Amino acid sequence: MTRAARTLGAILTASQGGAWNGIIDDAVLAAARQHDVGPLVFHALRQGPAWDRQTIAVRDALARLASEAALVDALRLDTDRSVIATLAAAGLAPLIFKGATLAHRHYPASWLRPRVDTDLLIREHDQADAAAAFERMGFTRVPRPTGDHVTHQFTYARAIHGVWAEFDVHWKIADPQVFADVLSYDDLAHESGPLPALGPAARSISDVHALLVACTHRVAHHYDSDSLLFLYDIDRLSRAFDDRSWDRFVVLALAQRVARVCARGLTLAMEVFGSPAPLQVLDALAAPGSSEPSAAYLRGRLRRVDILRSDLESLRDWRARATLLREHLLPAPAYILHSYGGAHRYLLPVLYLHRIVHGAFEWFRPLR
């Protein structure tokens, strides 16, 4: 982690009880943008004397990041409420998870937790009904690969008052096979609770489940990223836990074989923000060692071919494995045509060949 990122960690840690009196330089300001913590840094500095020590340029930049985040959040709030109400009226029961849940439950104000989309979890058999509901609301489906195994989500988006509103609709919590079935819709729905900020129909996953998702998401989709925002999510959730919550979390992480992944997220959050994860919790989570298949995602220089190998090993039969390979090599024609700028259909054979040949090198390039 860079010096600038550690400085940001110190600023945000001090905001929870302490003092930071340093000066933010260009590198720290750039890191705040990179890690999506500009609004949090603005909020933290405004609470103490350090704000007056910053240059006018730094104060203006942070104030601009905060005001933009607040405006986008206000517009997104109305859209989120409308979409969730419409889905509920259509007989669907989406669960809100990841950034939206954390923003409204664990941050002092929802605009302090930037996010590019709203994540919803639905029952797998409700995919068609959910897609139809979004299209009736004027949303457009974002082109992306489709299939039984290559992905477990689709995305709908539209511009509302000049702000891009995007919804990721999942029927499994993650795309990689080793994480996809860690928690099912029914598991999450059973312990879900109301999220009044998003309307009477809104329900969010529980805090124990949210911490498991936060720890696995930063690894499953961001390859053990050192994103301060993801680690701050873990910190915020950790501070809401009591002994019973920790006990349930450990049992769940061990049972679902994601204990080492969870230990990694908690350890980093503790190092950067002083998160209060009990040492006995970290010891229990470290017990499985490298025996968990999900721990492969913690290895250095992870490549796409390593993820593919993990996916193939996680699938139960050769038919499913063959289907996954086909979905990677030969995605839907509509996706290929869109990827190549709306090329003509008669070029499809050439486009598929070009994609396979030129994409082969990417499979062996480290992701971080």
Protein backbone atom coordinates (compact mmCIF):
# COMPACT_ATOMS: atom_id res chain seq x y z
CA MET A 1 0.00 0.00 0.00
CA THR A 2 1.34 3.42 -0.94
CA ARG A 3 2.32 6.20 1.45
CA ALA A 4 -0.61 8.27 0.19
CA ALA A 5 -3.08 5.45 0.85
CA ARG A 6 -1.74 4.99 4.38
CA THR A 7 -2.11 8.72 4.99
CA LEU A 8 -5.76 8.47 3.94
CA GLY A 9 -6.15 5.54 6.32
CA ALA A 10 -4.77 7.65 9.15
CA ILE A 11 -7.17 10.51 8.34
CA LEU A 12 -10.21 8.22 8.34
CA THR A 13 -9.06 6.41 11.48
CA ALA A 14 -8.67 9.71 13.33
CA SER A 15 -12.24 10.64 12.41
CA GLN A 16 -13.44 7.78 14.64
CA GLY A 17 -11.71 9.14 17.72
CA GLY A 18 -8.32 10.81 17.51
CA ALA A 19 -6.50 13.60 15.78
CA TRP A 20 -4.71 14.02 12.46
CA ASN A 21 -2.99 17.33 11.83
CA GLY A 22 -1.01 16.70 8.66
CA ILE A 23 -1.06 18.33 5.25
CA ILE A 24 -2.62 16.71 2.18
CA ASP A 25 -0.37 16.89 -0.87
CA ASP A 26 -1.14 16.16 -4.52
CA ALA A 27 -0.35 12.45 -4.15
CA VAL A 28 -2.78 12.06 -1.24
CA LEU A 29 -5.49 13.97 -3.11
CA ALA A 30 -4.98 11.77 -6.18
CA ALA A 31 -5.18 8.66 -3.98
CA ALA A 32 -8.43 9.92 -2.45
CA ARG A 33 -9.91 10.06 -5.95
CA GLN A 34 -8.46 6.68 -6.92
CA HIS A 35 -9.83 4.97 -3.81
CA ASP A 36 -13.21 6.76 -3.95
CA VAL A 37 -12.83 8.14 -0.44
CA GLY A 38 -12.84 11.85 -1.28
CA PRO A 39 -16.22 12.49 0.41
CA LEU A 40 -15.09 10.58 3.50
CA VAL A 41 -11.86 12.57 3.71
CA PHE A 42 -13.81 15.84 3.36
CA HIS A 43 -16.17 14.74 6.15
CA ALA A 44 -13.30 13.63 8.40
CA LEU A 45 -11.28 16.82 8.01
CA ARG A 46 -14.27 19.09 8.55
CA GLN A 47 -14.69 17.61 12.02
CA GLY A 48 -11.30 18.80 13.27
CA PRO A 49 -8.69 21.56 13.06
CA ALA A 50 -6.80 19.91 10.17
CA TRP A 51 -9.24 21.38 7.63
CA ASP A 52 -7.94 24.90 8.16
CA ARG A 53 -4.36 23.71 7.62
CA GLN A 54 -5.02 22.52 4.07
CA THR A 55 -4.36 24.67 1.02
CA ILE A 56 -7.29 26.37 -0.67
CA ALA A 57 -6.78 24.11 -3.70
CA VAL A 58 -7.07 20.95 -1.59
CA ARG A 59 -10.11 22.23 0.29
CA ASP A 60 -11.82 23.21 -2.96
CA ALA A 61 -11.05 19.82 -4.54
CA LEU A 62 -12.40 17.87 -1.55
CA ALA A 63 -15.48 20.09 -1.28
CA ARG A 64 -16.17 19.51 -4.97
CA LEU A 65 -15.89 15.73 -4.57
CA ALA A 66 -18.24 15.87 -1.59
CA SER A 67 -20.85 18.09 -3.27
CA GLU A 68 -20.84 15.96 -6.42
CA ALA A 69 -21.27 12.81 -4.33
CA ALA A 70 -24.16 14.36 -2.39
CA LEU A 71 -25.92 15.44 -5.59
CA VAL A 72 -25.55 12.05 -7.28
CA ASP A 73 -26.71 10.31 -4.11
CA ALA A 74 -29.83 12.48 -3.88
CA LEU A 75 -30.80 11.72 -7.48
CA ARG A 76 -29.97 8.05 -7.06
CA LEU A 77 -32.08 7.83 -3.90
CA ASP A 78 -35.29 8.70 -5.74
CA THR A 79 -34.44 6.25 -8.52
CA ASP A 80 -33.62 3.44 -6.11
CA ARG A 81 -36.91 3.92 -4.28
CA SER A 82 -38.90 3.96 -7.53
CA VAL A 83 -37.20 0.88 -8.96
CA ILE A 84 -37.56 -1.16 -5.79
CA ALA A 85 -41.24 -0.22 -5.47
CA THR A 86 -41.86 -1.19 -9.10
CA LEU A 87 -40.11 -4.54 -8.72
CA ALA A 88 -42.11 -5.25 -5.56
CA ALA A 89 -45.36 -4.37 -7.34
CA ALA A 90 -44.39 -6.87 -10.06
CA GLY A 91 -44.28 -9.62 -7.45
CA LEU A 92 -40.51 -9.68 -7.12
CA ALA A 93 -38.66 -9.46 -3.83
CA PRO A 94 -35.18 -8.05 -4.51
CA LEU A 95 -32.64 -7.93 -1.72
CA ILE A 96 -30.34 -4.92 -1.57
CA PHE A 97 -26.72 -5.74 -0.86
CA LYS A 98 -23.15 -4.49 -1.19
CA GLY A 99 -22.68 -0.70 -1.49
CA ALA A 100 -26.28 0.45 -1.21
CA THR A 101 -26.93 -1.49 1.98
CA LEU A 102 -23.70 -0.26 3.56
CA ALA A 103 -24.28 3.35 2.52
CA HIS A 104 -27.68 3.51 4.20
CA ARG A 105 -26.95 1.36 7.25
CA HIS A 106 -23.35 1.94 8.25
CA TYR A 107 -22.23 5.38 7.06
CA PRO A 108 -23.17 8.67 8.78
CA ALA A 109 -24.73 9.80 5.47
CA SER A 110 -25.28 7.71 2.36
CA TRP A 111 -23.39 10.14 0.09
CA LEU A 112 -20.20 9.36 2.00
CA ARG A 113 -20.15 5.91 0.41
CA PRO A 114 -19.74 6.42 -3.38
CA ARG A 115 -20.92 3.63 -5.69
CA VAL A 116 -21.38 3.26 -9.41
CA ASP A 117 -24.51 1.12 -9.19
CA THR A 118 -27.16 -0.42 -6.98
CA ASP A 119 -26.80 -4.16 -6.45
CA LEU A 120 -29.93 -6.29 -6.17
CA LEU A 121 -30.26 -10.02 -5.60
CA ILE A 122 -33.25 -11.89 -7.02
CA ARG A 123 -34.38 -15.50 -7.24
CA GLU A 124 -32.84 -17.23 -10.24
CA HIS A 125 -36.22 -18.04 -11.76
CA ASP A 126 -37.22 -14.35 -11.62
CA GLN A 127 -34.65 -13.22 -14.20
CA ALA A 128 -37.11 -12.75 -17.08
CA ASP A 129 -39.67 -10.91 -14.94
CA ALA A 130 -37.01 -8.60 -13.52
CA ALA A 131 -35.63 -7.82 -16.98
CA ALA A 132 -39.13 -7.06 -18.28
CA ALA A 133 -39.79 -4.73 -15.33
CA PHE A 134 -36.61 -2.75 -15.99
CA GLU A 135 -37.46 -2.42 -19.66
CA ARG A 136 -40.94 -1.12 -18.80
CA MET A 137 -39.24 1.51 -16.65
CA GLY A 138 -37.22 2.68 -19.64
CA PHE A 139 -33.90 1.09 -18.70
CA THR A 140 -31.60 -0.41 -21.33
CA ARG A 141 -29.77 -3.67 -20.86
CA VAL A 142 -25.99 -3.21 -20.86
CA PRO A 143 -24.28 -5.66 -23.27
CA ARG A 144 -22.23 -8.26 -21.47
CA PRO A 145 -21.53 -12.00 -21.79
CA THR A 146 -24.43 -14.29 -20.91
CA GLY A 147 -24.70 -17.96 -20.06
CA ASP A 148 -25.37 -20.53 -17.38
CA HIS A 149 -21.90 -20.40 -15.81
CA VAL A 150 -19.88 -17.47 -17.15
CA THR A 151 -21.94 -14.90 -15.23
CA HIS A 152 -24.76 -14.73 -12.71
CA GLN A 153 -25.96 -11.17 -13.24
CA PHE A 154 -27.19 -8.64 -15.77
CA THR A 155 -27.10 -4.85 -15.78
CA TYR A 156 -29.70 -2.23 -16.68
CA ALA A 157 -28.98 1.49 -16.94
CA ARG A 158 -30.43 4.83 -18.00
CA ALA A 159 -29.67 8.52 -17.61
CA ILE A 160 -31.91 10.29 -15.08
CA HIS A 161 -31.55 14.07 -14.74
CA GLY A 162 -28.07 13.80 -16.24
CA VAL A 163 -26.94 11.09 -13.80
CA TRP A 164 -26.26 7.56 -14.98
CA ALA A 165 -28.41 5.17 -12.92
CA GLU A 166 -27.20 1.59 -13.10
CA PHE A 167 -28.58 -1.57 -11.48
CA ASP A 168 -26.66 -4.83 -11.26
CA VAL A 169 -29.20 -7.61 -10.88
CA HIS A 170 -27.71 -10.82 -9.47
CA TRP A 171 -29.14 -14.28 -8.80
CA LYS A 172 -25.89 -15.45 -7.19
CA ILE A 173 -23.65 -13.27 -5.04
CA ALA A 174 -20.58 -13.57 -7.30
CA ASP A 175 -19.58 -14.77 -10.76
CA PRO A 176 -16.57 -16.98 -9.87
CA GLN A 177 -17.84 -20.49 -9.20
CA VAL A 178 -15.94 -20.92 -5.95
CA PHE A 179 -17.83 -17.94 -4.46
CA ALA A 180 -21.13 -18.08 -6.36
CA ASP A 181 -23.00 -20.38 -3.98
CA VAL A 182 -21.47 -19.28 -0.69
CA LEU A 183 -24.81 -17.62 0.18
CA SER A 184 -28.06 -18.29 -1.66
CA TYR A 185 -31.01 -15.94 -2.10
CA ASP A 186 -32.97 -17.99 0.44
CA ASP A 187 -30.11 -17.82 2.96
CA LEU A 188 -29.99 -14.05 2.66
CA ALA A 189 -33.75 -13.50 2.53
CA HIS A 190 -34.28 -15.51 5.73
CA GLU A 191 -32.23 -13.03 7.78
CA SER A 192 -32.94 -9.88 5.75
CA GLY A 193 -34.42 -6.77 7.32
CA PRO A 194 -36.13 -3.55 6.25
CA LEU A 195 -34.13 -0.71 4.72
CA PRO A 196 -36.48 2.25 5.29
CA ALA A 197 -34.27 4.75 3.44
CA LEU A 198 -35.17 3.02 0.16
CA GLY A 199 -38.88 2.68 0.80
CA PRO A 200 -41.34 0.32 2.52
CA ALA A 201 -40.62 -2.55 0.11
CA ALA A 202 -36.83 -2.38 0.49
CA ARG A 203 -35.05 -5.19 2.30
CA SER A 204 -31.33 -5.53 2.89
CA ILE A 205 -29.17 -8.46 3.88
CA SER A 206 -28.08 -8.87 7.51
CA ASP A 207 -24.84 -7.45 8.88
CA VAL A 208 -23.26 -10.89 9.29
CA HIS A 209 -24.03 -11.72 5.68
CA ALA A 210 -22.95 -8.24 4.57
CA LEU A 211 -19.51 -8.70 6.13
CA LEU A 212 -19.10 -12.07 4.41
CA VAL A 213 -20.07 -10.46 1.09
CA ALA A 214 -17.72 -7.50 1.68
CA CYS A 215 -14.78 -9.79 2.42
CA THR A 216 -15.40 -12.09 -0.54
CA HIS A 217 -16.32 -9.39 -3.08
CA ARG A 218 -13.00 -7.57 -2.81
CA VAL A 219 -11.27 -10.85 -3.66
CA ALA A 220 -13.71 -12.53 -6.06
CA HIS A 221 -14.18 -9.53 -8.35
CA HIS A 222 -11.28 -7.24 -7.44
CA TYR A 223 -8.51 -9.82 -6.92
CA ASP A 224 -7.44 -8.91 -3.39
CA SER A 225 -7.60 -5.21 -4.15
CA ASP A 226 -6.19 -2.78 -1.61
CA SER A 227 -9.14 -0.42 -2.24
CA LEU A 228 -9.56 1.72 0.84
CA LEU A 229 -13.30 1.98 0.24
CA PHE A 230 -13.73 -1.80 0.36
CA LEU A 231 -11.61 -2.01 3.50
CA TYR A 232 -13.56 0.83 5.10
CA ASP A 233 -16.76 -1.11 4.41
CA ILE A 234 -15.27 -3.99 6.38
CA ASP A 235 -14.25 -1.60 9.15
CA ARG A 236 -17.73 -0.07 9.41
CA LEU A 237 -19.37 -3.49 9.63
CA SER A 238 -16.82 -4.75 12.16
CA ARG A 239 -17.63 -1.89 14.51
CA ALA A 240 -21.30 -2.94 14.54
CA PHE A 241 -20.55 -6.53 15.64
CA ASP A 242 -21.02 -8.02 19.08
CA ASP A 243 -19.66 -11.37 20.30
CA ARG A 244 -22.64 -13.29 18.95
CA SER A 245 -22.24 -11.73 15.51
CA TRP A 246 -18.56 -12.65 15.42
CA ASP A 247 -19.34 -16.23 16.46
CA ARG A 248 -21.92 -16.58 13.68
CA PHE A 249 -19.58 -15.01 11.16
CA VAL A 250 -16.76 -17.45 11.96
CA VAL A 251 -19.06 -20.47 11.76
CA LEU A 252 -20.41 -19.30 8.41
CA ALA A 253 -17.01 -18.48 6.91
CA LEU A 254 -15.60 -21.86 7.94
CA ALA A 255 -18.64 -23.78 6.72
CA GLN A 256 -18.60 -22.06 3.33
CA ARG A 257 -14.82 -22.41 2.99
CA VAL A 258 -14.05 -18.72 2.64
CA ALA A 259 -12.36 -18.29 6.03
CA ARG A 260 -8.93 -17.29 4.72
CA VAL A 261 -10.44 -14.79 2.32
CA CYS A 262 -12.38 -13.26 5.22
CA ALA A 263 -9.29 -13.25 7.44
CA ARG A 264 -7.42 -11.36 4.74
CA GLY A 265 -10.01 -8.58 4.52
CA LEU A 266 -10.31 -8.23 8.28
CA THR A 267 -6.53 -8.17 8.74
CA LEU A 268 -6.06 -5.43 6.16
CA ALA A 269 -8.90 -3.38 7.67
CA MET A 270 -7.28 -3.77 11.08
CA GLU A 271 -3.89 -2.66 9.75
CA VAL A 272 -5.25 0.41 7.94
CA PHE A 273 -8.15 1.51 10.17
CA GLY A 274 -7.61 -0.29 13.47
CA SER A 275 -10.76 -2.35 12.94
CA PRO A 276 -11.87 -4.19 16.08
CA ALA A 277 -11.84 -7.80 14.86
CA PRO A 278 -11.04 -9.99 17.91
CA LEU A 279 -7.75 -11.89 17.66
CA GLN A 280 -9.52 -15.18 18.39
CA VAL A 281 -11.71 -14.54 15.34
CA LEU A 282 -8.66 -14.04 13.12
CA ASP A 283 -7.03 -17.16 14.57
CA ALA A 284 -10.13 -19.24 13.90
CA LEU A 285 -10.41 -17.95 10.34
CA ALA A 286 -6.74 -18.71 9.65
CA ALA A 287 -7.08 -22.32 10.82
CA PRO A 288 -7.92 -23.90 7.41
CA GLY A 289 -4.62 -22.67 5.92
CA SER A 290 -4.45 -23.03 2.16
CA SER A 291 -6.84 -25.99 1.98
CA GLU A 292 -9.83 -23.85 0.93
CA PRO A 293 -10.27 -23.60 -2.86
CA SER A 294 -11.20 -19.92 -2.50
CA ALA A 295 -7.74 -19.20 -1.04
CA ALA A 296 -6.32 -19.51 -4.57
CA TYR A 297 -7.57 -15.96 -5.15
CA LEU A 298 -5.10 -14.68 -2.55
CA ARG A 299 -2.03 -15.87 -4.44
CA GLY A 300 0.22 -13.27 -5.98
CA ARG A 301 0.09 -12.60 -9.73
CA LEU A 302 -3.37 -14.13 -10.16
CA ARG A 303 -4.25 -14.55 -13.87
CA ARG A 304 -7.49 -15.11 -15.75
CA VAL A 305 -6.34 -18.62 -16.60
CA ASP A 306 -6.06 -19.31 -12.84
CA ILE A 307 -9.64 -18.13 -12.37
CA LEU A 308 -10.77 -20.36 -15.23
CA ARG A 309 -8.99 -23.32 -13.66
CA SER A 310 -10.72 -22.59 -10.35
CA ASP A 311 -14.10 -22.33 -12.09
CA LEU A 312 -13.62 -25.63 -13.91
CA GLU A 313 -12.57 -27.40 -10.71
CA SER A 314 -15.61 -26.01 -8.87
CA LEU A 315 -18.15 -27.24 -11.45
CA ARG A 316 -19.47 -30.71 -10.75
CA ASP A 317 -19.49 -32.42 -14.15
CA TRP A 318 -17.85 -32.30 -17.56
CA ARG A 319 -20.98 -31.03 -19.28
CA ALA A 320 -20.99 -27.92 -17.11
CA ARG A 321 -17.26 -27.44 -17.68
CA ALA A 322 -17.69 -27.73 -21.44
CA THR A 323 -20.53 -25.21 -21.30
CA LEU A 324 -18.37 -22.73 -19.40
CA LEU A 325 -15.55 -23.05 -21.95
CA ARG A 326 -17.99 -22.50 -24.80
CA GLU A 327 -19.46 -19.43 -23.06
CA HIS A 328 -15.97 -17.95 -22.74
CA LEU A 329 -14.87 -18.76 -26.29
CA LEU A 330 -18.14 -18.13 -28.10
CA PRO A 331 -20.26 -15.51 -26.32
CA ALA A 332 -23.60 -14.47 -27.79
CA PRO A 333 -23.38 -12.87 -31.26
CA ALA A 334 -25.06 -9.67 -30.03
CA TYR A 335 -22.29 -9.17 -27.48
CA ILE A 336 -19.56 -9.76 -30.07
CA LEU A 337 -21.12 -7.34 -32.55
CA HIS A 338 -21.45 -4.68 -29.85
CA SER A 339 -17.84 -5.23 -28.72
CA TYR A 340 -16.64 -4.53 -32.24
CA GLY A 341 -18.63 -1.34 -32.65
CA GLY A 342 -21.77 -2.71 -34.28
CA ALA A 343 -20.05 -4.69 -37.04
CA HIS A 344 -22.13 -6.59 -39.62
CA ARG A 345 -23.27 -10.12 -38.79
CA TYR A 346 -21.48 -11.63 -41.79
CA LEU A 347 -18.20 -10.75 -40.06
CA LEU A 348 -19.00 -12.87 -37.00
CA PRO A 349 -16.64 -15.79 -37.85
CA VAL A 350 -13.74 -13.37 -38.32
CA LEU A 351 -14.64 -11.45 -35.16
CA TYR A 352 -14.79 -14.63 -33.06
CA LEU A 353 -11.38 -15.73 -34.38
CA HIS A 354 -9.89 -12.29 -33.75
CA ARG A 355 -11.25 -12.27 -30.21
CA ILE A 356 -9.85 -15.72 -29.42
CA VAL A 357 -6.39 -15.06 -30.88
CA HIS A 358 -5.86 -11.56 -29.51
CA GLY A 359 -7.53 -12.31 -26.20
CA ALA A 360 -5.36 -15.35 -25.52
CA PHE A 361 -2.51 -13.24 -24.15
CA GLU A 362 -4.82 -11.57 -21.63
CA TRP A 363 -5.53 -14.91 -20.00
CA PHE A 364 -1.90 -15.19 -18.90
CA ARG A 365 -1.34 -11.60 -17.79
CA PRO A 366 -1.38 -10.93 -14.01
CA LEU A 367 -4.54 -9.11 -12.94
CA ARG A 368 -2.73 -7.06 -10.28
